[in-house]
Amino acid sequence: MLTLETMRAEIAAILHEDPAEIGDGDNLMDLGLDSMRAMTLVQRWQERGLKAEFAAFAEVPTLAHWWAVARRAQGGS
């Protein structure tokens, strides 16, 4: 199961940043996440069972939004 902190750590790793530097409301594109790396992250999560499409994540490029998408896809509220 994907967690908020796992998502934060994986985003930070792909950006070569400290996870503590990734705020929930930060625009991930402003932090350097491009669409190719974003697709790579979503594909990894899908391969681990997350049932959410890339377009849902692309709507708002923040960790808070991405976590909301993942939480809903995993049956959370």
C-alpha atoms as a PDB file:
ATOM      1  CA  MET A   1       0.000   0.000   0.000  1.00  0.00           C
ATOM      2  CA  LEU A   2       1.236   3.434  -0.943  1.00  0.00           C
ATOM      3  CA  THR A   3       1.580   5.970   1.872  1.00  0.00           C
ATOM      4  CA  LEU A   4       1.991   9.731   1.882  1.00  0.00           C
ATOM      5  CA  GLU A   5       5.536   9.411   3.165  1.00  0.00           C
ATOM      6  CA  THR A   6       6.418   6.780   0.549  1.00  0.00           C
ATOM      7  CA  MET A   7       5.151   9.116  -2.155  1.00  0.00           C
ATOM      8  CA  ARG A   8       7.120  12.016  -0.669  1.00  0.00           C
ATOM      9  CA  ALA A   9      10.298   9.916  -0.493  1.00  0.00           C
ATOM     10  CA  GLU A  10       9.960   8.651  -4.067  1.00  0.00           C
ATOM     11  CA  ILE A  11       9.272  12.131  -5.437  1.00  0.00           C
ATOM     12  CA  ALA A  12      12.250  13.488  -3.494  1.00  0.00           C
ATOM     13  CA  ALA A  13      14.488  10.691  -4.791  1.00  0.00           C
ATOM     14  CA  ILE A  14      13.600  11.360  -8.413  1.00  0.00           C
ATOM     15  CA  LEU A  15      14.285  15.073  -7.829  1.00  0.00           C
ATOM     16  CA  HIS A  16      17.488  14.373  -5.862  1.00  0.00           C
ATOM     17  CA  GLU A  17      16.077  16.323  -2.921  1.00  0.00           C
ATOM     18  CA  ASP A  18      15.616  15.708   0.795  1.00  0.00           C
ATOM     19  CA  PRO A  19      12.056  14.482   1.463  1.00  0.00           C
ATOM     20  CA  ALA A  20      11.743  17.173   4.144  1.00  0.00           C
ATOM     21  CA  GLU A  21      12.043  19.750   1.362  1.00  0.00           C
ATOM     22  CA  ILE A  22       8.877  18.501  -0.382  1.00  0.00           C
ATOM     23  CA  GLY A  23       5.893  20.269   1.177  1.00  0.00           C
ATOM     24  CA  ASP A  24       2.368  18.953   0.740  1.00  0.00           C
ATOM     25  CA  GLY A  25       1.289  22.070  -1.151  1.00  0.00           C
ATOM     26  CA  ASP A  26       4.453  22.668  -3.172  1.00  0.00           C
ATOM     27  CA  ASN A  27       4.030  22.692  -6.940  1.00  0.00           C
ATOM     28  CA  LEU A  28       6.065  19.664  -7.970  1.00  0.00           C
ATOM     29  CA  MET A  29       6.729  21.114 -11.418  1.00  0.00           C
ATOM     30  CA  ASP A  30       8.247  24.208  -9.796  1.00  0.00           C
ATOM     31  CA  LEU A  31      10.532  21.858  -7.847  1.00  0.00           C
ATOM     32  CA  GLY A  32      11.787  20.371 -11.113  1.00  0.00           C
ATOM     33  CA  LEU A  33       9.486  17.413 -11.715  1.00  0.00           C
ATOM     34  CA  ASP A  34       8.854  17.176 -15.444  1.00  0.00           C
ATOM     35  CA  SER A  35       6.100  15.188 -17.106  1.00  0.00           C
ATOM     36  CA  MET A  36       8.354  12.259 -18.036  1.00  0.00           C
ATOM     37  CA  ARG A  37       9.521  11.743 -14.451  1.00  0.00           C
ATOM     38  CA  ALA A  38       5.965  12.211 -13.189  1.00  0.00           C
ATOM     39  CA  MET A  39       4.783   9.486 -15.577  1.00  0.00           C
ATOM     40  CA  THR A  40       7.605   7.242 -14.371  1.00  0.00           C
ATOM     41  CA  LEU A  41       6.483   7.668 -10.755  1.00  0.00           C
ATOM     42  CA  VAL A  42       2.838   6.972 -11.546  1.00  0.00           C
ATOM     43  CA  GLN A  43       3.799   3.941 -13.610  1.00  0.00           C
ATOM     44  CA  ARG A  44       5.831   2.560 -10.670  1.00  0.00           C
ATOM     45  CA  TRP A  45       2.845   3.014  -8.376  1.00  0.00           C
ATOM     46  CA  GLN A  46       0.542   1.369 -10.913  1.00  0.00           C
ATOM     47  CA  GLU A  47       2.923  -1.596 -11.172  1.00  0.00           C
ATOM     48  CA  ARG A  48       2.592  -1.976  -7.398  1.00  0.00           C
ATOM     49  CA  GLY A  49      -1.184  -2.103  -7.691  1.00  0.00           C
ATOM     50  CA  LEU A  50      -2.382   1.512  -7.587  1.00  0.00           C
ATOM     51  CA  LYS A  51      -5.492   1.813  -9.763  1.00  0.00           C
ATOM     52  CA  ALA A  52      -5.257   5.464 -10.798  1.00  0.00           C
ATOM     53  CA  GLU A  53      -4.535   7.041 -14.153  1.00  0.00           C
ATOM     54  CA  PHE A  54      -1.780   9.570 -14.822  1.00  0.00           C
ATOM     55  CA  ALA A  55      -4.345  12.204 -15.851  1.00  0.00           C
ATOM     56  CA  ALA A  56      -5.759  12.262 -12.313  1.00  0.00           C
ATOM     57  CA  PHE A  57      -2.333  13.158 -10.945  1.00  0.00           C
ATOM     58  CA  ALA A  58      -1.597  15.668 -13.713  1.00  0.00           C
ATOM     59  CA  GLU A  59      -4.621  17.807 -12.805  1.00  0.00           C
ATOM     60  CA  VAL A  60      -2.845  19.425  -9.834  1.00  0.00           C
ATOM     61  CA  PRO A  61       0.897  18.836  -9.399  1.00  0.00           C
ATOM     62  CA  THR A  62       1.089  18.904  -5.600  1.00  0.00           C
ATOM     63  CA  LEU A  63       1.827  16.110  -3.161  1.00  0.00           C
ATOM     64  CA  ALA A  64      -1.434  16.849  -1.338  1.00  0.00           C
ATOM     65  CA  HIS A  65      -3.458  16.307  -4.513  1.00  0.00           C
ATOM     66  CA  TRP A  66      -1.441  13.250  -5.532  1.00  0.00           C
ATOM     67  CA  TRP A  67      -1.985  11.726  -2.088  1.00  0.00           C
ATOM     68  CA  ALA A  68      -5.730  12.409  -2.334  1.00  0.00           C
ATOM     69  CA  VAL A  69      -5.805  10.607  -5.705  1.00  0.00           C
ATOM     70  CA  ALA A  70      -3.810   7.665  -4.329  1.00  0.00           C
ATOM     71  CA  ARG A  71      -5.877   7.468  -1.153  1.00  0.00           C
ATOM     72  CA  ARG A  72      -9.140   7.351  -3.145  1.00  0.00           C
ATOM     73  CA  ALA A  73      -7.668   4.726  -5.498  1.00  0.00           C
ATOM     74  CA  GLN A  74      -6.752   2.600  -2.481  1.00  0.00           C
ATOM     75  CA  GLY A  75     -10.250   2.812  -1.045  1.00  0.00           C
ATOM     76  CA  GLY A  76      -9.620   5.615   1.437  1.00  0.00           C
ATOM     77  CA  SER A  77     -11.808   8.643   1.851  1.00  0.00           C
END
